[in-house]
């Protein structure tokens, strides 16, 4: 249960599906509710698959490039800290950073579920760094299953949030989104610091 909750909370703060709502609504503004729901479902399925693959194969990728998990945690921590700073200083409509070119390209596409929704909006570099750093050789099959279950839960919660994003946007308003962005930014910033501190302590030991 501790692994399940820790993985879910870490992923939720980095994925931040609430921050993805404005971009999602921009990309699907001409779609029917049914079509919008289909796009959200496929995007969340892709996100689960992407994060699961990186969780299972991430250590092999690090070994191939001769990197240690501590190197990834420090680099990922710096990147996550930057994302946290961006969230703390972002405007409500910019709470989930994505380039204007990517948004413009997504508006022209018929299917936006894989790009830019699944990547990089939901499963970006920060969330990928988190899942890779969660894998260690000491994990049991049960631990790995619980981590994957947490990823699936994250996908389900993200789908529900995106599905009801029109109503949530009206309910929260710009002030609510701004406050939520600051809260998520602080959590993400703290997570990045934790990554760096954990890696440094392991290196000095």
N, C-alpha and C. Protein backbone atom coordinates (compact mmCIF):
# COMPACT_ATOMS: atom_id res chain seq x y z
N UNK A 1 0.83 -1.21 0.00
CA UNK A 1 0.00 0.00 0.00
C UNK A 1 0.87 1.26 0.00
N UNK A 2 1.99 1.22 0.74
CA UNK A 2 2.88 2.37 0.79
C UNK A 2 3.46 2.66 -0.60
N UNK A 3 3.87 1.59 -1.30
CA UNK A 3 4.41 1.75 -2.66
C UNK A 3 3.34 2.31 -3.58
N UNK A 4 2.13 1.80 -3.47
CA UNK A 4 1.02 2.23 -4.32
C UNK A 4 0.73 3.72 -4.13
N UNK A 5 0.61 4.15 -2.89
CA UNK A 5 0.28 5.54 -2.61
C UNK A 5 1.44 6.48 -2.96
N UNK A 6 2.67 6.06 -2.65
CA UNK A 6 3.83 6.90 -2.94
C UNK A 6 3.99 7.09 -4.44
N UNK A 7 3.84 6.02 -5.20
CA UNK A 7 3.97 6.12 -6.67
C UNK A 7 2.87 6.98 -7.25
N UNK A 8 1.64 6.77 -6.79
CA UNK A 8 0.52 7.54 -7.33
C UNK A 8 0.66 9.02 -7.01
N UNK A 9 1.04 9.34 -5.78
CA UNK A 9 1.15 10.75 -5.40
C UNK A 9 2.28 11.43 -6.16
N UNK A 10 3.40 10.73 -6.34
CA UNK A 10 4.52 11.31 -7.08
C UNK A 10 4.13 11.56 -8.54
N UNK A 11 3.46 10.59 -9.15
CA UNK A 11 3.05 10.74 -10.54
C UNK A 11 1.99 11.82 -10.70
N UNK A 12 1.05 11.88 -9.75
CA UNK A 12 -0.03 12.86 -9.87
C UNK A 12 0.51 14.28 -9.85
N UNK A 13 1.50 14.51 -8.99
CA UNK A 13 2.04 15.87 -8.90
C UNK A 13 2.81 16.25 -10.15
N UNK A 14 3.45 15.28 -10.81
CA UNK A 14 4.23 15.59 -12.00
C UNK A 14 3.36 15.60 -13.25
N UNK A 15 2.49 14.62 -13.39
CA UNK A 15 1.59 14.58 -14.55
C UNK A 15 0.64 15.78 -14.53
N UNK A 16 0.10 16.09 -13.35
CA UNK A 16 -0.77 17.25 -13.15
C UNK A 16 -1.87 17.35 -14.22
N UNK A 17 -2.82 16.41 -14.21
CA UNK A 17 -3.89 16.45 -15.23
C UNK A 17 -4.74 17.71 -15.16
N UNK A 18 -4.83 18.35 -13.99
CA UNK A 18 -5.58 19.61 -13.91
C UNK A 18 -4.91 20.69 -14.77
N UNK A 19 -3.58 20.69 -14.78
CA UNK A 19 -2.87 21.65 -15.60
C UNK A 19 -3.00 21.36 -17.08
N UNK A 20 -3.33 20.11 -17.43
CA UNK A 20 -3.49 19.74 -18.83
C UNK A 20 -4.85 20.13 -19.40
N UNK A 21 -5.79 20.47 -18.52
CA UNK A 21 -7.16 20.76 -18.99
C UNK A 21 -7.25 21.91 -19.99
N UNK A 22 -6.61 23.07 -19.76
CA UNK A 22 -6.75 24.16 -20.73
C UNK A 22 -6.26 23.79 -22.12
N UNK A 23 -5.11 23.10 -22.20
CA UNK A 23 -4.58 22.69 -23.51
C UNK A 23 -5.49 21.65 -24.15
N UNK A 24 -5.98 20.71 -23.35
CA UNK A 24 -6.88 19.68 -23.87
C UNK A 24 -8.14 20.29 -24.46
N UNK A 25 -8.71 21.26 -23.76
CA UNK A 25 -9.92 21.91 -24.26
C UNK A 25 -9.63 22.74 -25.51
N UNK A 26 -8.46 23.34 -25.57
CA UNK A 26 -8.09 24.11 -26.77
C UNK A 26 -7.98 23.20 -27.99
N UNK A 27 -7.38 22.03 -27.79
CA UNK A 27 -7.17 21.10 -28.90
C UNK A 27 -8.46 20.40 -29.33
N UNK A 28 -9.45 20.35 -28.45
CA UNK A 28 -10.69 19.62 -28.76
C UNK A 28 -11.91 20.55 -28.78
N UNK A 29 -11.69 21.84 -29.00
CA UNK A 29 -12.81 22.79 -28.88
C UNK A 29 -13.89 22.57 -29.94
N UNK A 30 -13.54 21.98 -31.09
CA UNK A 30 -14.52 21.73 -32.14
C UNK A 30 -15.11 20.32 -32.08
N UNK A 31 -14.67 19.51 -31.13
CA UNK A 31 -15.12 18.12 -31.04
C UNK A 31 -16.41 18.00 -30.24
N UNK A 32 -17.16 16.97 -30.55
CA UNK A 32 -18.35 16.66 -29.76
C UNK A 32 -17.90 16.06 -28.42
N UNK A 33 -18.77 16.06 -27.40
CA UNK A 33 -18.40 15.44 -26.13
C UNK A 33 -17.96 13.98 -26.26
N UNK A 34 -18.62 13.24 -27.17
CA UNK A 34 -18.24 11.84 -27.38
C UNK A 34 -16.84 11.73 -27.95
N UNK A 35 -16.56 12.55 -28.97
CA UNK A 35 -15.23 12.56 -29.58
C UNK A 35 -14.16 13.00 -28.57
N UNK A 36 -14.48 14.00 -27.75
CA UNK A 36 -13.54 14.48 -26.74
C UNK A 36 -13.23 13.37 -25.74
N UNK A 37 -14.26 12.62 -25.35
CA UNK A 37 -14.06 11.51 -24.42
C UNK A 37 -13.20 10.41 -25.02
N UNK A 38 -13.38 10.13 -26.32
CA UNK A 38 -12.56 9.12 -26.99
C UNK A 38 -11.09 9.54 -27.02
N UNK A 39 -10.86 10.81 -27.33
CA UNK A 39 -9.50 11.32 -27.36
C UNK A 39 -8.84 11.22 -25.98
N UNK A 40 -9.59 11.58 -24.94
CA UNK A 40 -9.07 11.51 -23.58
C UNK A 40 -8.75 10.08 -23.18
N UNK A 41 -9.64 9.13 -23.53
CA UNK A 41 -9.43 7.73 -23.17
C UNK A 41 -8.19 7.17 -23.84
N UNK A 42 -8.06 7.42 -25.16
CA UNK A 42 -6.88 6.91 -25.87
C UNK A 42 -5.60 7.54 -25.33
N UNK A 43 -5.64 8.84 -25.04
CA UNK A 43 -4.45 9.52 -24.53
C UNK A 43 -4.01 8.92 -23.20
N UNK A 44 -4.97 8.62 -22.33
CA UNK A 44 -4.63 8.07 -21.01
C UNK A 44 -4.13 6.63 -21.13
N UNK A 45 -4.67 5.86 -22.08
CA UNK A 45 -4.17 4.51 -22.31
C UNK A 45 -2.73 4.57 -22.82
N UNK A 46 -2.48 5.47 -23.76
CA UNK A 46 -1.11 5.65 -24.26
C UNK A 46 -0.17 6.06 -23.12
N UNK A 47 -0.65 6.95 -22.26
CA UNK A 47 0.18 7.40 -21.14
C UNK A 47 0.56 6.22 -20.24
N UNK A 48 -0.41 5.37 -19.92
CA UNK A 48 -0.15 4.21 -19.08
C UNK A 48 0.88 3.29 -19.73
N UNK A 49 0.72 3.05 -21.04
CA UNK A 49 1.65 2.18 -21.75
C UNK A 49 3.06 2.77 -21.78
N UNK A 50 3.15 4.06 -22.05
CA UNK A 50 4.46 4.72 -22.13
C UNK A 50 5.18 4.65 -20.78
N UNK A 51 4.48 5.02 -19.71
CA UNK A 51 5.11 5.02 -18.39
C UNK A 51 5.46 3.60 -17.94
N UNK A 52 4.61 2.63 -18.27
CA UNK A 52 4.90 1.24 -17.89
C UNK A 52 6.14 0.72 -18.61
N UNK A 53 6.25 1.02 -19.90
CA UNK A 53 7.42 0.59 -20.67
C UNK A 53 8.70 1.21 -20.11
N UNK A 54 8.66 2.50 -19.81
CA UNK A 54 9.85 3.14 -19.27
C UNK A 54 10.17 2.63 -17.87
N UNK A 55 9.16 2.29 -17.09
CA UNK A 55 9.40 1.72 -15.76
C UNK A 55 10.12 0.38 -15.87
N UNK A 56 9.66 -0.47 -16.80
CA UNK A 56 10.22 -1.81 -16.92
C UNK A 56 11.55 -1.82 -17.66
N UNK A 57 11.70 -0.94 -18.65
CA UNK A 57 12.91 -0.97 -19.48
C UNK A 57 13.88 0.15 -19.16
N UNK A 58 13.51 1.04 -18.25
CA UNK A 58 14.36 2.20 -17.97
C UNK A 58 15.75 1.84 -17.49
N UNK A 59 15.84 0.83 -16.60
CA UNK A 59 17.14 0.44 -16.06
C UNK A 59 18.04 -0.10 -17.17
N UNK A 60 17.44 -0.83 -18.12
CA UNK A 60 18.23 -1.35 -19.24
C UNK A 60 18.76 -0.21 -20.11
N UNK A 61 17.94 0.83 -20.28
CA UNK A 61 18.39 1.99 -21.06
C UNK A 61 19.54 2.69 -20.35
N UNK A 62 19.45 2.83 -19.04
CA UNK A 62 20.53 3.45 -18.27
C UNK A 62 21.81 2.62 -18.37
N UNK A 63 21.68 1.30 -18.27
CA UNK A 63 22.85 0.43 -18.38
C UNK A 63 23.48 0.54 -19.76
N UNK A 64 22.67 0.66 -20.78
CA UNK A 64 23.18 0.76 -22.15
C UNK A 64 24.04 2.01 -22.32
N UNK A 65 23.62 3.12 -21.71
CA UNK A 65 24.37 4.37 -21.83
C UNK A 65 25.41 4.54 -20.72
N UNK A 66 25.51 3.55 -19.85
CA UNK A 66 26.50 3.62 -18.79
C UNK A 66 26.16 4.63 -17.70
N UNK A 67 24.87 4.85 -17.48
CA UNK A 67 24.42 5.82 -16.47
C UNK A 67 23.98 5.08 -15.21
N UNK A 68 24.13 5.76 -14.08
CA UNK A 68 23.64 5.22 -12.82
C UNK A 68 22.28 5.83 -12.50
N UNK A 69 21.53 5.14 -11.67
CA UNK A 69 20.21 5.64 -11.30
C UNK A 69 20.33 6.97 -10.57
N UNK A 70 21.44 7.17 -9.84
CA UNK A 70 21.63 8.43 -9.13
C UNK A 70 21.81 9.59 -10.11
N UNK A 71 22.48 9.31 -11.23
CA UNK A 71 22.64 10.36 -12.26
C UNK A 71 21.28 10.80 -12.78
N UNK A 72 20.42 9.80 -13.02
CA UNK A 72 19.08 10.13 -13.53
C UNK A 72 18.28 10.90 -12.49
N UNK A 73 18.42 10.52 -11.22
CA UNK A 73 17.65 11.18 -10.17
C UNK A 73 18.06 12.64 -10.02
N UNK A 74 19.36 12.92 -10.14
CA UNK A 74 19.81 14.31 -10.04
C UNK A 74 19.33 15.11 -11.24
N UNK A 75 19.52 14.55 -12.45
CA UNK A 75 19.07 15.24 -13.66
C UNK A 75 17.55 15.40 -13.65
N UNK A 76 16.84 14.33 -13.28
CA UNK A 76 15.38 14.40 -13.22
C UNK A 76 14.92 15.38 -12.15
N UNK A 77 15.64 15.41 -11.02
CA UNK A 77 15.28 16.34 -9.96
C UNK A 77 15.40 17.78 -10.40
N UNK A 78 16.47 18.10 -11.12
CA UNK A 78 16.65 19.46 -11.63
C UNK A 78 15.53 19.82 -12.60
N UNK A 79 15.20 18.88 -13.48
CA UNK A 79 14.14 19.11 -14.47
C UNK A 79 12.78 19.27 -13.78
N UNK A 80 12.51 18.45 -12.77
CA UNK A 80 11.25 18.53 -12.05
C UNK A 80 11.16 19.83 -11.25
N UNK A 81 12.30 20.25 -10.67
CA UNK A 81 12.32 21.52 -9.95
C UNK A 81 11.99 22.69 -10.89
N UNK A 82 12.55 22.64 -12.09
CA UNK A 82 12.25 23.70 -13.06
C UNK A 82 10.77 23.71 -13.41
N UNK A 83 10.19 22.50 -13.59
CA UNK A 83 8.76 22.42 -13.86
C UNK A 83 7.94 22.99 -12.70
N UNK A 84 8.41 22.75 -11.47
CA UNK A 84 7.72 23.29 -10.30
C UNK A 84 7.77 24.80 -10.27
N UNK A 85 8.94 25.37 -10.60
CA UNK A 85 9.06 26.83 -10.67
C UNK A 85 8.12 27.40 -11.74
N UNK A 86 8.04 26.71 -12.89
CA UNK A 86 7.16 27.17 -13.96
C UNK A 86 5.70 27.17 -13.51
N UNK A 87 5.32 26.13 -12.76
CA UNK A 87 3.94 26.07 -12.27
C UNK A 87 3.66 27.16 -11.25
N UNK A 88 4.64 27.45 -10.41
CA UNK A 88 4.45 28.49 -9.39
C UNK A 88 4.29 29.87 -10.02
N UNK A 89 4.91 30.08 -11.16
CA UNK A 89 4.89 31.40 -11.79
C UNK A 89 4.00 31.48 -13.02
N UNK A 90 3.30 30.37 -13.33
CA UNK A 90 2.52 30.34 -14.56
C UNK A 90 1.17 31.02 -14.38
N UNK A 91 0.65 31.53 -15.50
CA UNK A 91 -0.72 32.02 -15.54
C UNK A 91 -1.65 30.82 -15.62
N UNK A 92 -2.93 30.96 -15.26
CA UNK A 92 -3.85 29.81 -15.27
C UNK A 92 -3.89 29.08 -16.61
N UNK A 93 -3.91 29.86 -17.72
CA UNK A 93 -4.01 29.22 -19.03
C UNK A 93 -2.69 28.61 -19.47
N UNK A 94 -1.61 28.87 -18.69
CA UNK A 94 -0.31 28.34 -19.04
C UNK A 94 0.20 27.38 -17.98
N UNK A 95 -0.72 26.83 -17.19
CA UNK A 95 -0.31 26.01 -16.07
C UNK A 95 0.33 24.69 -16.51
N UNK A 96 0.10 24.31 -17.75
CA UNK A 96 0.77 23.13 -18.29
C UNK A 96 1.54 23.57 -19.51
N UNK A 97 2.86 23.69 -19.38
CA UNK A 97 3.69 24.25 -20.43
C UNK A 97 3.71 23.34 -21.65
N UNK A 98 3.45 23.90 -22.80
CA UNK A 98 3.57 23.20 -24.07
C UNK A 98 3.73 24.27 -25.12
N UNK A 99 4.60 24.05 -26.09
CA UNK A 99 4.92 25.10 -27.04
C UNK A 99 3.73 25.43 -27.92
N UNK A 100 3.70 26.70 -28.36
CA UNK A 100 2.60 27.15 -29.22
C UNK A 100 2.60 26.40 -30.54
N UNK A 101 3.78 26.03 -31.04
CA UNK A 101 3.86 25.28 -32.30
C UNK A 101 3.20 23.92 -32.17
N UNK A 102 3.42 23.27 -31.02
CA UNK A 102 2.81 21.95 -30.79
C UNK A 102 1.30 22.07 -30.70
N UNK A 103 0.82 23.12 -30.02
CA UNK A 103 -0.63 23.34 -29.92
C UNK A 103 -1.22 23.60 -31.30
N UNK A 104 -0.55 24.44 -32.09
CA UNK A 104 -1.03 24.76 -33.43
C UNK A 104 -1.07 23.51 -34.31
N UNK A 105 -0.06 22.67 -34.18
CA UNK A 105 -0.03 21.43 -34.96
C UNK A 105 -1.14 20.49 -34.50
N UNK A 106 -1.38 20.44 -33.18
CA UNK A 106 -2.41 19.56 -32.65
C UNK A 106 -3.80 19.95 -33.08
N UNK A 107 -4.06 21.27 -33.22
CA UNK A 107 -5.37 21.74 -33.66
C UNK A 107 -5.69 21.23 -35.06
N UNK A 108 -4.65 21.09 -35.89
CA UNK A 108 -4.84 20.66 -37.28
C UNK A 108 -4.98 19.15 -37.40
N UNK A 109 -4.63 18.40 -36.36
CA UNK A 109 -4.66 16.94 -36.44
C UNK A 109 -6.04 16.39 -36.10
N UNK A 110 -6.37 15.25 -36.74
CA UNK A 110 -7.64 14.59 -36.44
C UNK A 110 -7.55 13.79 -35.14
N UNK A 111 -6.40 13.17 -34.92
CA UNK A 111 -6.20 12.36 -33.72
C UNK A 111 -5.04 12.94 -32.93
N UNK A 112 -5.34 13.50 -31.78
CA UNK A 112 -4.32 14.13 -30.94
C UNK A 112 -4.03 13.30 -29.70
N UNK A 113 -4.53 12.06 -29.67
CA UNK A 113 -4.44 11.26 -28.44
C UNK A 113 -3.00 10.89 -28.10
N UNK A 114 -2.19 10.54 -29.09
CA UNK A 114 -0.80 10.16 -28.79
C UNK A 114 0.08 11.39 -28.65
N UNK A 115 0.11 12.20 -29.68
CA UNK A 115 0.82 13.48 -29.61
C UNK A 115 -0.17 14.58 -30.00
N UNK A 116 -0.26 15.65 -29.26
CA UNK A 116 0.56 15.98 -28.09
C UNK A 116 -0.06 15.61 -26.75
N UNK A 117 -1.20 14.89 -26.71
CA UNK A 117 -1.84 14.64 -25.42
C UNK A 117 -1.03 13.67 -24.55
N UNK A 118 -0.82 12.44 -25.06
CA UNK A 118 -0.08 11.46 -24.26
C UNK A 118 1.37 11.88 -24.07
N UNK A 119 1.98 12.31 -25.17
CA UNK A 119 3.35 12.83 -25.14
C UNK A 119 3.36 14.15 -25.89
N UNK A 120 3.82 15.22 -25.29
CA UNK A 120 4.47 15.31 -23.97
C UNK A 120 3.56 15.84 -22.87
N UNK A 121 2.25 16.01 -23.14
CA UNK A 121 1.39 16.69 -22.18
C UNK A 121 1.23 15.91 -20.89
N UNK A 122 0.94 14.61 -20.99
CA UNK A 122 0.70 13.80 -19.79
C UNK A 122 1.95 13.03 -19.37
N UNK A 123 2.54 12.31 -20.29
CA UNK A 123 3.75 11.54 -19.95
C UNK A 123 4.96 12.24 -20.55
N UNK A 124 5.36 13.32 -19.89
CA UNK A 124 6.50 14.09 -20.33
C UNK A 124 7.79 13.62 -19.69
N UNK A 125 8.87 14.37 -19.88
CA UNK A 125 10.18 13.98 -19.31
C UNK A 125 10.14 13.81 -17.79
N UNK A 126 9.38 14.66 -17.09
CA UNK A 126 9.33 14.58 -15.63
C UNK A 126 8.74 13.27 -15.15
N UNK A 127 7.58 12.89 -15.69
CA UNK A 127 6.93 11.64 -15.26
C UNK A 127 7.74 10.43 -15.69
N UNK A 128 8.41 10.50 -16.85
CA UNK A 128 9.26 9.39 -17.28
C UNK A 128 10.45 9.24 -16.35
N UNK A 129 11.05 10.36 -15.94
CA UNK A 129 12.16 10.31 -14.99
C UNK A 129 11.71 9.70 -13.66
N UNK A 130 10.49 10.02 -13.24
CA UNK A 130 9.97 9.48 -11.98
C UNK A 130 9.85 7.96 -12.05
N UNK A 131 9.23 7.44 -13.12
CA UNK A 131 8.99 5.99 -13.19
C UNK A 131 10.30 5.22 -13.36
N UNK A 132 11.27 5.79 -14.11
CA UNK A 132 12.55 5.10 -14.24
C UNK A 132 13.26 5.02 -12.89
N UNK A 133 13.20 6.11 -12.14
CA UNK A 133 13.89 6.13 -10.85
C UNK A 133 13.22 5.22 -9.83
N UNK A 134 11.97 4.83 -10.06
CA UNK A 134 11.28 3.95 -9.13
C UNK A 134 11.75 2.51 -9.25
N UNK A 135 12.35 2.17 -10.39
CA UNK A 135 12.76 0.77 -10.59
C UNK A 135 14.12 0.51 -9.96
N UNK A 136 14.18 -0.49 -9.11
CA UNK A 136 15.44 -0.96 -8.55
C UNK A 136 15.46 -2.48 -8.64
N UNK A 137 16.67 -3.03 -8.61
CA UNK A 137 16.80 -4.48 -8.74
C UNK A 137 16.28 -5.23 -7.52
N UNK A 138 16.06 -4.51 -6.42
CA UNK A 138 15.57 -5.16 -5.20
C UNK A 138 14.05 -5.28 -5.18
N UNK A 139 13.37 -4.72 -6.18
CA UNK A 139 11.91 -4.80 -6.22
C UNK A 139 11.45 -6.24 -6.44
N UNK A 140 10.42 -6.64 -5.71
CA UNK A 140 9.82 -7.94 -5.94
C UNK A 140 8.76 -7.83 -7.03
N UNK A 141 8.26 -8.98 -7.45
CA UNK A 141 7.19 -8.99 -8.47
C UNK A 141 5.97 -8.24 -7.96
N UNK A 142 5.67 -8.41 -6.67
CA UNK A 142 4.52 -7.72 -6.08
C UNK A 142 4.73 -6.21 -6.10
N UNK A 143 5.95 -5.78 -5.74
CA UNK A 143 6.26 -4.35 -5.76
C UNK A 143 6.10 -3.77 -7.16
N UNK A 144 6.60 -4.49 -8.15
CA UNK A 144 6.47 -4.03 -9.54
C UNK A 144 5.01 -3.98 -9.96
N UNK A 145 4.24 -4.98 -9.53
CA UNK A 145 2.82 -5.00 -9.86
C UNK A 145 2.08 -3.82 -9.24
N UNK A 146 2.44 -3.49 -7.99
CA UNK A 146 1.81 -2.35 -7.33
C UNK A 146 2.18 -1.03 -8.00
N UNK A 147 3.42 -0.91 -8.46
CA UNK A 147 3.84 0.30 -9.17
C UNK A 147 3.08 0.45 -10.48
N UNK A 148 2.94 -0.64 -11.21
CA UNK A 148 2.19 -0.60 -12.47
C UNK A 148 0.72 -0.29 -12.19
N UNK A 149 0.18 -0.85 -11.09
CA UNK A 149 -1.20 -0.54 -10.71
C UNK A 149 -1.37 0.94 -10.42
N UNK A 150 -0.37 1.55 -9.77
CA UNK A 150 -0.42 2.99 -9.50
C UNK A 150 -0.41 3.79 -10.80
N UNK A 151 0.35 3.33 -11.78
CA UNK A 151 0.37 3.99 -13.09
C UNK A 151 -1.00 3.89 -13.75
N UNK A 152 -1.62 2.71 -13.66
CA UNK A 152 -2.97 2.53 -14.22
C UNK A 152 -3.97 3.43 -13.50
N UNK A 153 -3.87 3.53 -12.18
CA UNK A 153 -4.75 4.42 -11.41
C UNK A 153 -4.57 5.87 -11.85
N UNK A 154 -3.31 6.25 -12.11
CA UNK A 154 -3.03 7.60 -12.58
C UNK A 154 -3.70 7.85 -13.92
N UNK A 155 -3.67 6.84 -14.80
CA UNK A 155 -4.35 6.96 -16.09
C UNK A 155 -5.85 7.10 -15.94
N UNK A 156 -6.44 6.33 -15.00
CA UNK A 156 -7.89 6.40 -14.79
C UNK A 156 -8.31 7.76 -14.24
N UNK A 157 -7.55 8.28 -13.27
CA UNK A 157 -7.87 9.59 -12.69
C UNK A 157 -7.70 10.69 -13.74
N UNK A 158 -6.65 10.59 -14.55
CA UNK A 158 -6.42 11.58 -15.61
C UNK A 158 -7.58 11.57 -16.61
N UNK A 159 -8.06 10.38 -16.94
CA UNK A 159 -9.18 10.28 -17.88
C UNK A 159 -10.43 10.94 -17.32
N UNK A 160 -10.72 10.69 -16.06
CA UNK A 160 -11.91 11.30 -15.44
C UNK A 160 -11.80 12.82 -15.42
N UNK A 161 -10.61 13.32 -15.08
CA UNK A 161 -10.41 14.77 -15.03
C UNK A 161 -10.56 15.40 -16.41
N UNK A 162 -9.96 14.77 -17.43
CA UNK A 162 -10.07 15.30 -18.79
C UNK A 162 -11.50 15.18 -19.32
N UNK A 163 -12.18 14.09 -18.96
CA UNK A 163 -13.55 13.89 -19.43
C UNK A 163 -14.48 14.98 -18.92
N UNK A 164 -14.28 15.38 -17.66
CA UNK A 164 -15.14 16.40 -17.07
C UNK A 164 -14.46 17.77 -17.05
N UNK A 165 -13.44 17.94 -17.88
CA UNK A 165 -12.70 19.20 -17.89
C UNK A 165 -13.55 20.43 -18.22
N UNK A 166 -14.54 20.35 -19.14
CA UNK A 166 -15.36 21.55 -19.37
C UNK A 166 -16.08 22.03 -18.11
N UNK A 167 -16.66 21.09 -17.35
CA UNK A 167 -17.36 21.46 -16.13
C UNK A 167 -16.39 21.89 -15.03
N UNK A 168 -15.23 21.21 -14.98
CA UNK A 168 -14.24 21.57 -13.97
C UNK A 168 -13.67 22.97 -14.22
N UNK A 169 -13.50 23.33 -15.49
CA UNK A 169 -12.99 24.65 -15.82
C UNK A 169 -13.97 25.73 -15.37
N UNK A 170 -15.27 25.46 -15.57
CA UNK A 170 -16.30 26.42 -15.13
C UNK A 170 -16.34 26.48 -13.61
N UNK A 171 -16.24 25.32 -12.97
CA UNK A 171 -16.33 25.27 -11.50
C UNK A 171 -15.14 25.94 -10.84
N UNK A 172 -13.94 25.65 -11.32
CA UNK A 172 -12.73 26.20 -10.71
C UNK A 172 -12.51 27.66 -11.08
N UNK A 173 -12.75 27.98 -12.36
CA UNK A 173 -12.49 29.34 -12.83
C UNK A 173 -10.99 29.63 -12.87
N UNK A 174 -10.63 30.82 -13.31
CA UNK A 174 -9.22 31.18 -13.42
C UNK A 174 -8.55 31.26 -12.05
N UNK A 175 -9.29 31.76 -11.06
CA UNK A 175 -8.71 31.87 -9.72
C UNK A 175 -8.42 30.49 -9.13
N UNK A 176 -9.35 29.57 -9.32
CA UNK A 176 -9.16 28.21 -8.81
C UNK A 176 -8.01 27.50 -9.49
N UNK A 177 -7.91 27.67 -10.82
CA UNK A 177 -6.81 27.05 -11.55
C UNK A 177 -5.46 27.64 -11.12
N UNK A 178 -5.45 28.94 -10.89
CA UNK A 178 -4.20 29.59 -10.46
C UNK A 178 -3.76 29.05 -9.10
N UNK A 179 -4.72 28.93 -8.16
CA UNK A 179 -4.39 28.42 -6.84
C UNK A 179 -3.94 26.96 -6.92
N UNK A 180 -4.64 26.16 -7.74
CA UNK A 180 -4.28 24.76 -7.90
C UNK A 180 -2.90 24.62 -8.53
N UNK A 181 -2.60 25.48 -9.49
CA UNK A 181 -1.29 25.46 -10.14
C UNK A 181 -0.18 25.74 -9.14
N UNK A 182 -0.39 26.69 -8.24
CA UNK A 182 0.62 27.03 -7.25
C UNK A 182 0.84 25.87 -6.27
N UNK A 183 -0.26 25.22 -5.87
CA UNK A 183 -0.15 24.08 -4.95
C UNK A 183 0.62 22.94 -5.61
N UNK A 184 0.24 22.62 -6.86
CA UNK A 184 0.92 21.55 -7.57
C UNK A 184 2.38 21.92 -7.82
N UNK A 185 2.64 23.19 -8.11
CA UNK A 185 4.01 23.63 -8.34
C UNK A 185 4.88 23.44 -7.11
N UNK A 186 4.33 23.75 -5.94
CA UNK A 186 5.09 23.58 -4.69
C UNK A 186 5.39 22.11 -4.44
N UNK A 187 4.41 21.25 -4.70
CA UNK A 187 4.61 19.81 -4.50
C UNK A 187 5.65 19.28 -5.47
N UNK A 188 5.55 19.70 -6.75
CA UNK A 188 6.50 19.25 -7.76
C UNK A 188 7.91 19.73 -7.41
N UNK A 189 8.03 20.98 -6.95
CA UNK A 189 9.33 21.53 -6.56
C UNK A 189 9.92 20.71 -5.41
N UNK A 190 9.10 20.37 -4.43
CA UNK A 190 9.56 19.56 -3.29
C UNK A 190 9.99 18.17 -3.75
N UNK A 191 9.25 17.62 -4.71
CA UNK A 191 9.60 16.30 -5.24
C UNK A 191 10.96 16.34 -5.93
N UNK A 192 11.21 17.41 -6.70
CA UNK A 192 12.50 17.55 -7.35
C UNK A 192 13.64 17.64 -6.35
N UNK A 193 13.43 18.40 -5.27
CA UNK A 193 14.45 18.50 -4.22
C UNK A 193 14.70 17.13 -3.58
N UNK A 194 13.63 16.38 -3.35
CA UNK A 194 13.75 15.05 -2.76
C UNK A 194 14.57 14.13 -3.64
N UNK A 195 14.35 14.21 -4.96
CA UNK A 195 15.11 13.38 -5.90
C UNK A 195 16.61 13.68 -5.77
N UNK A 196 16.94 14.96 -5.76
CA UNK A 196 18.36 15.36 -5.73
C UNK A 196 19.00 14.96 -4.39
N UNK A 197 18.32 15.24 -3.29
CA UNK A 197 18.86 14.93 -1.96
C UNK A 197 19.08 13.42 -1.81
N UNK A 198 18.10 12.62 -2.25
CA UNK A 198 18.23 11.16 -2.16
C UNK A 198 19.42 10.66 -2.95
N UNK A 199 19.59 11.20 -4.16
CA UNK A 199 20.70 10.77 -5.01
C UNK A 199 22.04 11.17 -4.41
N UNK A 200 22.13 12.39 -3.88
CA UNK A 200 23.39 12.86 -3.30
C UNK A 200 23.77 12.07 -2.07
N UNK A 201 22.78 11.77 -1.22
CA UNK A 201 23.06 10.96 -0.03
C UNK A 201 23.57 9.57 -0.42
N UNK A 202 22.95 8.98 -1.46
CA UNK A 202 23.39 7.66 -1.91
C UNK A 202 24.80 7.71 -2.49
N UNK A 203 25.13 8.78 -3.20
CA UNK A 203 26.46 8.91 -3.78
C UNK A 203 27.52 9.08 -2.71
N UNK A 204 27.24 9.89 -1.70
CA UNK A 204 28.22 10.13 -0.64
C UNK A 204 28.43 8.88 0.23
N UNK A 205 27.38 8.07 0.34
CA UNK A 205 27.53 6.83 1.09
C UNK A 205 28.46 5.86 0.35
